[in-house]
Amino acid sequence: MIIKAFCYSCFFLIGILPLTAQVDSGGIKPRKPGRAAWFACTSLPKGFENPCKVMTGKSVAELEIPRYMASDPVKIPEGGIIRIVREVPDPDEPEKIKYLVLAEAKIPGNVRQALIVLMPLPKPKGDLLFTAMVQDLAGFKGGDRMFINLSNTHIRVKFGPKQVAVAPKKVNIYKAPKLKKSTNVPIMYEFYHPEHKKWRLLTASTVVLRPTRREINIFNDGTRIGNIRKHKVLFPLPIKKP
């Protein structure tokens, strides 16, 4: 089955994770699943320090942003604002540290699990290096494929007889059938050429759908009309603790 996914666009990035159990006079309530976010990137600008530093509330921690895999999850602070920062000496008080904000995002309160896609700005805006898109991961299960179309043309993906259409600046998810084991599936990516007014083949292959792994494909415009770039990000399911 194919479903539409909803995305939230915002400037710059980040996070989410677990909430503590709540207690009332009637006893302990069941713990709610944690709120968490993962980073993915289309590329990283030259000179960007990786692992980088992520600020959540008043806490600052290191986080590596892999090129072809989702990052570790990040906990959402109260208020939902998370920043990627760089430490520099405070020019007014050199013995102290100040933080330059390289990226920033606010996760909507109704989103419990999110993907933050980082995209380098063509030119830095002050200290800011990235723009970002926040994508709700609700219902994104093992074996599924998410398609994020950041290009200005239409994309379609064929899984055998099934087809996923992704309009420009939209997101769609291929909902895999219930998988008990790895399954081979033929896949074909096409894009609509804006000048030729025809569908063109981007790539085709056979992929393996695994119940323990998800995958995200991000499409961008290339350097000329009719040139589409595809970037793949692997997204394993979190390992459940026994």
C-alpha atoms as a PDB file:
ATOM      1  CA  MET A   1       0.000   0.000   0.000  1.00  0.00           C
ATOM      2  CA  ILE A   2       1.204   3.514  -0.746  1.00  0.00           C
ATOM      3  CA  ILE A   3       0.472   6.395   1.583  1.00  0.00           C
ATOM      4  CA  LYS A   4       1.155  10.090   1.592  1.00  0.00           C
ATOM      5  CA  ALA A   5       3.527  11.394   4.210  1.00  0.00           C
ATOM      6  CA  PHE A   6       3.410  14.861   5.696  1.00  0.00           C
ATOM      7  CA  CYS A   7       6.493  17.024   6.012  1.00  0.00           C
ATOM      8  CA  TYR A   8       7.318  20.185   7.856  1.00  0.00           C
ATOM      9  CA  SER A   9       9.722  22.684   6.307  1.00  0.00           C
ATOM     10  CA  CYS A  10      11.802  24.883   8.574  1.00  0.00           C
ATOM     11  CA  PHE A  11      15.190  26.489   8.754  1.00  0.00           C
ATOM     12  CA  PHE A  12      17.818  24.263  10.123  1.00  0.00           C
ATOM     13  CA  LEU A  13      17.735  21.291  12.249  1.00  0.00           C
ATOM     14  CA  ILE A  14      17.333  18.739  14.849  1.00  0.00           C
ATOM     15  CA  GLY A  15      15.929  16.507  17.435  1.00  0.00           C
ATOM     16  CA  ILE A  16      13.834  14.405  19.834  1.00  0.00           C
ATOM     17  CA  LEU A  17      13.778  11.302  22.477  1.00  0.00           C
ATOM     18  CA  PRO A  18      12.265   9.708  25.672  1.00  0.00           C
ATOM     19  CA  LEU A  19       9.954  11.279  28.234  1.00  0.00           C
ATOM     20  CA  THR A  20       9.814  10.160  31.854  1.00  0.00           C
ATOM     21  CA  ALA A  21       6.950   8.071  33.173  1.00  0.00           C
ATOM     22  CA  GLN A  22       4.090  10.021  34.673  1.00  0.00           C
ATOM     23  CA  VAL A  23       2.612   9.341  38.112  1.00  0.00           C
ATOM     24  CA  ASP A  24      -0.770  10.342  39.467  1.00  0.00           C
ATOM     25  CA  SER A  25      -2.848   9.414  42.490  1.00  0.00           C
ATOM     26  CA  GLY A  26      -4.114   6.334  40.662  1.00  0.00           C
ATOM     27  CA  GLY A  27      -0.621   4.887  40.297  1.00  0.00           C
ATOM     28  CA  ILE A  28       2.020   4.764  37.573  1.00  0.00           C
ATOM     29  CA  LYS A  29       0.862   5.365  34.036  1.00  0.00           C
ATOM     30  CA  PRO A  30       2.436   3.354  31.214  1.00  0.00           C
ATOM     31  CA  ARG A  31       5.549   5.021  29.825  1.00  0.00           C
ATOM     32  CA  LYS A  32       4.911   6.667  26.476  1.00  0.00           C
ATOM     33  CA  PRO A  33       7.280   5.941  23.598  1.00  0.00           C
ATOM     34  CA  GLY A  34      10.138   8.434  23.539  1.00  0.00           C
ATOM     35  CA  ARG A  35      10.292  11.405  21.184  1.00  0.00           C
ATOM     36  CA  ALA A  36      13.343  11.203  18.972  1.00  0.00           C
ATOM     37  CA  ALA A  37      14.770  12.619  15.773  1.00  0.00           C
ATOM     38  CA  TRP A  38      17.463  11.418  13.419  1.00  0.00           C
ATOM     39  CA  PHE A  39      19.589  13.462  11.038  1.00  0.00           C
ATOM     40  CA  ALA A  40      20.235  12.776   7.389  1.00  0.00           C
ATOM     41  CA  CYS A  41      22.180  14.995   5.014  1.00  0.00           C
ATOM     42  CA  THR A  42      22.418  15.459   1.271  1.00  0.00           C
ATOM     43  CA  SER A  43      26.016  16.664   1.728  1.00  0.00           C
ATOM     44  CA  LEU A  44      28.173  18.492   4.236  1.00  0.00           C
ATOM     45  CA  PRO A  45      29.963  21.766   3.448  1.00  0.00           C
ATOM     46  CA  LYS A  46      33.736  21.848   3.328  1.00  0.00           C
ATOM     47  CA  GLY A  47      35.243  22.563   6.719  1.00  0.00           C
ATOM     48  CA  PHE A  48      32.176  21.425   8.670  1.00  0.00           C
ATOM     49  CA  GLU A  49      33.322  19.721  11.875  1.00  0.00           C
ATOM     50  CA  ASN A  50      31.930  16.191  12.094  1.00  0.00           C
ATOM     51  CA  PRO A  51      31.182  15.001  14.769  1.00  0.00           C
ATOM     52  CA  CYS A  52      29.422  18.277  15.362  1.00  0.00           C
ATOM     53  CA  LYS A  53      27.965  19.757  18.530  1.00  0.00           C
ATOM     54  CA  VAL A  54      24.230  19.672  19.162  1.00  0.00           C
ATOM     55  CA  MET A  55      22.560  21.960  21.663  1.00  0.00           C
ATOM     56  CA  THR A  56      19.337  20.775  23.280  1.00  0.00           C
ATOM     57  CA  GLY A  57      18.143  23.191  25.902  1.00  0.00           C
ATOM     58  CA  LYS A  58      21.259  24.001  27.965  1.00  0.00           C
ATOM     59  CA  SER A  59      23.021  20.738  27.118  1.00  0.00           C
ATOM     60  CA  VAL A  60      25.660  20.380  24.397  1.00  0.00           C
ATOM     61  CA  ALA A  61      26.762  16.969  23.092  1.00  0.00           C
ATOM     62  CA  GLU A  62      28.690  15.578  20.131  1.00  0.00           C
ATOM     63  CA  LEU A  63      26.857  13.888  17.277  1.00  0.00           C
ATOM     64  CA  GLU A  64      28.228  12.405  14.084  1.00  0.00           C
ATOM     65  CA  ILE A  65      26.180  12.948  10.930  1.00  0.00           C
ATOM     66  CA  PRO A  66      26.949  10.088   8.519  1.00  0.00           C
ATOM     67  CA  ARG A  67      26.771  10.681   4.776  1.00  0.00           C
ATOM     68  CA  TYR A  68      24.780   7.574   3.832  1.00  0.00           C
ATOM     69  CA  MET A  69      23.048   6.567   7.054  1.00  0.00           C
ATOM     70  CA  ALA A  70      20.752   8.224   9.563  1.00  0.00           C
ATOM     71  CA  SER A  71      22.472   9.550  12.671  1.00  0.00           C
ATOM     72  CA  ASP A  72      21.929   8.393  16.221  1.00  0.00           C
ATOM     73  CA  PRO A  73      18.707   9.763  17.745  1.00  0.00           C
ATOM     74  CA  VAL A  74      18.627  13.125  19.514  1.00  0.00           C
ATOM     75  CA  LYS A  75      16.407  13.952  22.458  1.00  0.00           C
ATOM     76  CA  ILE A  76      13.973  16.822  22.148  1.00  0.00           C
ATOM     77  CA  PRO A  77      14.217  19.403  24.909  1.00  0.00           C
ATOM     78  CA  GLU A  78      11.215  21.140  26.358  1.00  0.00           C
ATOM     79  CA  GLY A  79      10.071  23.625  23.735  1.00  0.00           C
ATOM     80  CA  GLY A  80      11.396  21.490  20.871  1.00  0.00           C
ATOM     81  CA  ILE A  81      14.206  23.805  19.735  1.00  0.00           C
ATOM     82  CA  ILE A  82      17.508  22.133  18.838  1.00  0.00           C
ATOM     83  CA  ARG A  83      20.605  23.716  17.379  1.00  0.00           C
ATOM     84  CA  ILE A  84      23.846  22.643  15.761  1.00  0.00           C
ATOM     85  CA  VAL A  85      26.503  24.914  17.152  1.00  0.00           C
ATOM     86  CA  ARG A  86      30.207  25.652  16.976  1.00  0.00           C
ATOM     87  CA  GLU A  87      32.266  26.576  20.012  1.00  0.00           C
ATOM     88  CA  VAL A  88      34.415  29.715  19.741  1.00  0.00           C
ATOM     89  CA  PRO A  89      36.132  31.933  22.328  1.00  0.00           C
ATOM     90  CA  ASP A  90      34.000  34.846  23.449  1.00  0.00           C
ATOM     91  CA  PRO A  91      35.748  37.945  21.995  1.00  0.00           C
ATOM     92  CA  ASP A  92      34.648  39.992  25.016  1.00  0.00           C
ATOM     93  CA  GLU A  93      35.750  37.380  27.569  1.00  0.00           C
ATOM     94  CA  PRO A  94      38.335  35.076  25.887  1.00  0.00           C
ATOM     95  CA  GLU A  95      38.378  32.694  28.868  1.00  0.00           C
ATOM     96  CA  LYS A  96      34.727  31.896  28.178  1.00  0.00           C
ATOM     97  CA  ILE A  97      33.064  30.017  25.293  1.00  0.00           C
ATOM     98  CA  LYS A  98      30.260  31.222  23.058  1.00  0.00           C
ATOM     99  CA  TYR A  99      28.280  29.220  20.514  1.00  0.00           C
ATOM    100  CA  LEU A 100      27.673  30.081  16.886  1.00  0.00           C
ATOM    101  CA  VAL A 101      24.394  28.643  15.582  1.00  0.00           C
ATOM    102  CA  LEU A 102      25.025  26.751  12.334  1.00  0.00           C
ATOM    103  CA  ALA A 103      21.551  25.243  12.103  1.00  0.00           C
ATOM    104  CA  GLU A 104      18.310  25.363  14.047  1.00  0.00           C
ATOM    105  CA  ALA A 105      14.876  23.764  14.013  1.00  0.00           C
ATOM    106  CA  LYS A 106      11.789  23.345  16.113  1.00  0.00           C
ATOM    107  CA  ILE A 107      10.032  19.977  16.038  1.00  0.00           C
ATOM    108  CA  PRO A 108       6.216  20.295  16.171  1.00  0.00           C
ATOM    109  CA  GLY A 109       4.771  19.073  19.451  1.00  0.00           C
ATOM    110  CA  ASN A 110       2.605  16.431  17.774  1.00  0.00           C
ATOM    111  CA  VAL A 111       5.576  14.723  16.067  1.00  0.00           C
ATOM    112  CA  ARG A 112       7.031  11.913  18.170  1.00  0.00           C
ATOM    113  CA  GLN A 113       9.624  10.586  15.714  1.00  0.00           C
ATOM    114  CA  ALA A 114      11.162  12.769  13.045  1.00  0.00           C
ATOM    115  CA  LEU A 115      13.789  12.848  10.350  1.00  0.00           C
ATOM    116  CA  ILE A 116      15.717  16.069   9.837  1.00  0.00           C
ATOM    117  CA  VAL A 117      17.198  16.407   6.367  1.00  0.00           C
ATOM    118  CA  LEU A 118      20.106  18.839   6.263  1.00  0.00           C
ATOM    119  CA  MET A 119      20.817  20.715   3.053  1.00  0.00           C
ATOM    120  CA  PRO A 120      23.800  23.074   2.806  1.00  0.00           C
ATOM    121  CA  LEU A 121      22.929  26.629   1.848  1.00  0.00           C
ATOM    122  CA  PRO A 122      24.450  27.803  -1.463  1.00  0.00           C
ATOM    123  CA  LYS A 123      26.083  30.555   0.591  1.00  0.00           C
ATOM    124  CA  PRO A 124      26.192  30.859   4.405  1.00  0.00           C
ATOM    125  CA  LYS A 125      23.701  33.303   5.916  1.00  0.00           C
ATOM    126  CA  GLY A 126      25.766  34.785   8.706  1.00  0.00           C
ATOM    127  CA  ASP A 127      26.772  31.790  10.823  1.00  0.00           C
ATOM    128  CA  LEU A 128      24.014  29.564   9.411  1.00  0.00           C
ATOM    129  CA  LEU A 129      25.261  26.827   7.079  1.00  0.00           C
ATOM    130  CA  PHE A 130      22.148  24.684   6.510  1.00  0.00           C
ATOM    131  CA  THR A 131      18.505  24.704   5.710  1.00  0.00           C
ATOM    132  CA  ALA A 132      16.536  21.688   6.879  1.00  0.00           C
ATOM    133  CA  MET A 133      13.328  19.778   6.370  1.00  0.00           C
ATOM    134  CA  VAL A 134      11.566  17.989   9.214  1.00  0.00           C
ATOM    135  CA  GLN A 135       9.722  14.827   8.207  1.00  0.00           C
ATOM    136  CA  ASP A 136       7.283  12.982  10.464  1.00  0.00           C
ATOM    137  CA  LEU A 137       8.249   9.294  10.701  1.00  0.00           C
ATOM    138  CA  ALA A 138       4.877   8.080  11.991  1.00  0.00           C
ATOM    139  CA  GLY A 139       4.064   4.741  10.360  1.00  0.00           C
ATOM    140  CA  PHE A 140       7.482   4.418   8.701  1.00  0.00           C
ATOM    141  CA  LYS A 141       8.140   0.743   9.462  1.00  0.00           C
ATOM    142  CA  GLY A 142      10.744  -1.872   8.566  1.00  0.00           C
ATOM    143  CA  GLY A 143      10.947  -2.562   4.833  1.00  0.00           C
ATOM    144  CA  ASP A 144       9.401   0.782   3.861  1.00  0.00           C
ATOM    145  CA  ARG A 145      11.004   3.262   1.457  1.00  0.00           C
ATOM    146  CA  MET A 146      10.604   7.008   1.845  1.00  0.00           C
ATOM    147  CA  PHE A 147      11.008   9.304  -1.163  1.00  0.00           C
ATOM    148  CA  ILE A 148      11.722  12.986  -0.573  1.00  0.00           C
ATOM    149  CA  ASN A 149      11.538  15.029  -3.752  1.00  0.00           C
ATOM    150  CA  LEU A 150      13.382  18.325  -3.342  1.00  0.00           C
ATOM    151  CA  SER A 151      13.601  18.809  -7.115  1.00  0.00           C
ATOM    152  CA  ASN A 152      11.328  20.887  -9.341  1.00  0.00           C
ATOM    153  CA  THR A 153      10.060  17.968 -11.403  1.00  0.00           C
ATOM    154  CA  HIS A 154       7.919  14.880 -10.872  1.00  0.00           C
ATOM    155  CA  ILE A 155       9.436  11.573  -9.769  1.00  0.00           C
ATOM    156  CA  ARG A 156       7.875   8.129  -9.927  1.00  0.00           C
ATOM    157  CA  VAL A 157       9.174   4.874  -8.524  1.00  0.00           C
ATOM    158  CA  LYS A 158       7.971   1.461  -9.679  1.00  0.00           C
ATOM    159  CA  PHE A 159       8.141  -1.593  -7.426  1.00  0.00           C
ATOM    160  CA  GLY A 160       7.127  -4.320  -9.850  1.00  0.00           C
ATOM    161  CA  PRO A 161       3.456  -3.546 -10.631  1.00  0.00           C
ATOM    162  CA  LYS A 162       3.162  -0.933  -7.848  1.00  0.00           C
ATOM    163  CA  GLN A 163       4.009   2.721  -8.365  1.00  0.00           C
ATOM    164  CA  VAL A 164       4.818   5.625  -6.053  1.00  0.00           C
ATOM    165  CA  ALA A 165       4.341   9.142  -7.423  1.00  0.00           C
ATOM    166  CA  VAL A 166       6.257  12.000  -5.773  1.00  0.00           C
ATOM    167  CA  ALA A 167       5.365  15.540  -6.804  1.00  0.00           C
ATOM    168  CA  PRO A 168       7.953  18.345  -6.625  1.00  0.00           C
ATOM    169  CA  LYS A 169       8.769  19.390  -3.036  1.00  0.00           C
ATOM    170  CA  LYS A 170       6.657  16.522  -1.658  1.00  0.00           C
ATOM    171  CA  VAL A 171       7.215  13.244   0.204  1.00  0.00           C
ATOM    172  CA  ASN A 172       5.695   9.811  -0.317  1.00  0.00           C
ATOM    173  CA  ILE A 173       6.261   6.395   1.230  1.00  0.00           C
ATOM    174  CA  TYR A 174       6.218   2.945  -0.283  1.00  0.00           C
ATOM    175  CA  LYS A 175       4.564   0.753   2.344  1.00  0.00           C
ATOM    176  CA  ALA A 176       6.134  -2.661   2.060  1.00  0.00           C
ATOM    177  CA  PRO A 177       3.979  -5.751   2.604  1.00  0.00           C
ATOM    178  CA  LYS A 178       4.456  -7.462   5.952  1.00  0.00           C
ATOM    179  CA  LEU A 179       7.922  -8.990   5.723  1.00  0.00           C
ATOM    180  CA  LYS A 180       9.094 -12.087   7.599  1.00  0.00           C
ATOM    181  CA  LYS A 181      12.394 -12.252   5.730  1.00  0.00           C
ATOM    182  CA  SER A 182      14.431 -10.338   3.160  1.00  0.00           C
ATOM    183  CA  THR A 183      12.668 -10.037  -0.209  1.00  0.00           C
ATOM    184  CA  ASN A 184      14.057  -9.105  -3.647  1.00  0.00           C
ATOM    185  CA  VAL A 185      11.989  -6.574  -5.593  1.00  0.00           C
ATOM    186  CA  PRO A 186      12.673  -4.957  -9.023  1.00  0.00           C
ATOM    187  CA  ILE A 187      12.685  -1.161  -8.803  1.00  0.00           C
ATOM    188  CA  MET A 188      12.778   1.607 -11.407  1.00  0.00           C
ATOM    189  CA  TYR A 189      13.171   5.355 -10.876  1.00  0.00           C
ATOM    190  CA  GLU A 190      11.873   7.809 -13.485  1.00  0.00           C
ATOM    191  CA  PHE A 191      11.616  11.594 -13.709  1.00  0.00           C
ATOM    192  CA  TYR A 192       9.578  13.862 -15.941  1.00  0.00           C
ATOM    193  CA  HIS A 193      11.894  15.888 -18.175  1.00  0.00           C
ATOM    194  CA  PRO A 194      10.649  19.515 -18.050  1.00  0.00           C
ATOM    195  CA  GLU A 195      11.810  20.358 -21.594  1.00  0.00           C
ATOM    196  CA  HIS A 196      11.277  17.060 -23.442  1.00  0.00           C
ATOM    197  CA  LYS A 197       7.870  16.605 -21.738  1.00  0.00           C
ATOM    198  CA  LYS A 198       8.544  12.886 -21.366  1.00  0.00           C
ATOM    199  CA  TRP A 199       9.309  10.443 -18.595  1.00  0.00           C
ATOM    200  CA  ARG A 200      12.990   9.529 -18.517  1.00  0.00           C
ATOM    201  CA  LEU A 201      14.720   6.640 -16.789  1.00  0.00           C
ATOM    202  CA  LEU A 202      16.875   7.669 -13.858  1.00  0.00           C
ATOM    203  CA  THR A 203      18.018   4.223 -12.721  1.00  0.00           C
ATOM    204  CA  ALA A 204      16.756   0.635 -12.371  1.00  0.00           C
ATOM    205  CA  SER A 205      17.889  -2.342 -10.326  1.00  0.00           C
ATOM    206  CA  THR A 206      16.760  -5.066  -7.951  1.00  0.00           C
ATOM    207  CA  VAL A 207      16.649  -4.127  -4.280  1.00  0.00           C
ATOM    208  CA  VAL A 208      16.325  -6.142  -1.103  1.00  0.00           C
ATOM    209  CA  LEU A 209      13.541  -5.202   1.307  1.00  0.00           C
ATOM    210  CA  ARG A 210      14.500  -6.158   4.855  1.00  0.00           C
ATOM    211  CA  PRO A 211      12.113  -6.159   7.831  1.00  0.00           C
ATOM    212  CA  THR A 212      14.881  -4.672  10.013  1.00  0.00           C
ATOM    213  CA  ARG A 213      15.771  -1.783   7.727  1.00  0.00           C
ATOM    214  CA  ARG A 214      14.176   1.272   6.185  1.00  0.00           C
ATOM    215  CA  GLU A 215      15.579   3.439   3.418  1.00  0.00           C
ATOM    216  CA  ILE A 216      15.230   7.078   2.427  1.00  0.00           C
ATOM    217  CA  ASN A 217      15.853   8.423  -1.079  1.00  0.00           C
ATOM    218  CA  ILE A 218      16.311  12.160  -1.571  1.00  0.00           C
ATOM    219  CA  PHE A 219      16.001  13.699  -5.055  1.00  0.00           C
ATOM    220  CA  ASN A 220      17.588  17.045  -5.969  1.00  0.00           C
ATOM    221  CA  ASP A 221      17.942  19.084  -9.142  1.00  0.00           C
ATOM    222  CA  GLY A 222      21.322  18.664 -10.812  1.00  0.00           C
ATOM    223  CA  THR A 223      23.470  21.349 -12.384  1.00  0.00           C
ATOM    224  CA  ARG A 224      21.421  21.490 -15.593  1.00  0.00           C
ATOM    225  CA  ILE A 225      17.789  21.042 -16.659  1.00  0.00           C
ATOM    226  CA  GLY A 226      16.801  17.404 -16.855  1.00  0.00           C
ATOM    227  CA  ASN A 227      19.564  16.286 -14.486  1.00  0.00           C
ATOM    228  CA  ILE A 228      18.308  14.706 -11.254  1.00  0.00           C
ATOM    229  CA  ARG A 229      20.516  13.587  -8.386  1.00  0.00           C
ATOM    230  CA  LYS A 230      19.447  10.780  -6.037  1.00  0.00           C
ATOM    231  CA  HIS A 231      20.923  10.335  -2.581  1.00  0.00           C
ATOM    232  CA  LYS A 232      20.260   7.197  -0.515  1.00  0.00           C
ATOM    233  CA  VAL A 233      20.223   7.077   3.280  1.00  0.00           C
ATOM    234  CA  LEU A 234      19.953   3.771   5.156  1.00  0.00           C
ATOM    235  CA  PHE A 235      17.823   3.818   8.279  1.00  0.00           C
ATOM    236  CA  PRO A 236      17.956   0.621  10.394  1.00  0.00           C
ATOM    237  CA  LEU A 237      15.205   0.057  12.916  1.00  0.00           C
ATOM    238  CA  PRO A 238      16.237   0.755  16.539  1.00  0.00           C
ATOM    239  CA  ILE A 239      17.351  -2.407  18.314  1.00  0.00           C
ATOM    240  CA  LYS A 240      14.810  -3.325  20.973  1.00  0.00           C
ATOM    241  CA  LYS A 241      16.246  -3.990  24.405  1.00  0.00           C
ATOM    242  CA  PRO A 242      15.388  -7.446  25.821  1.00  0.00           C
END
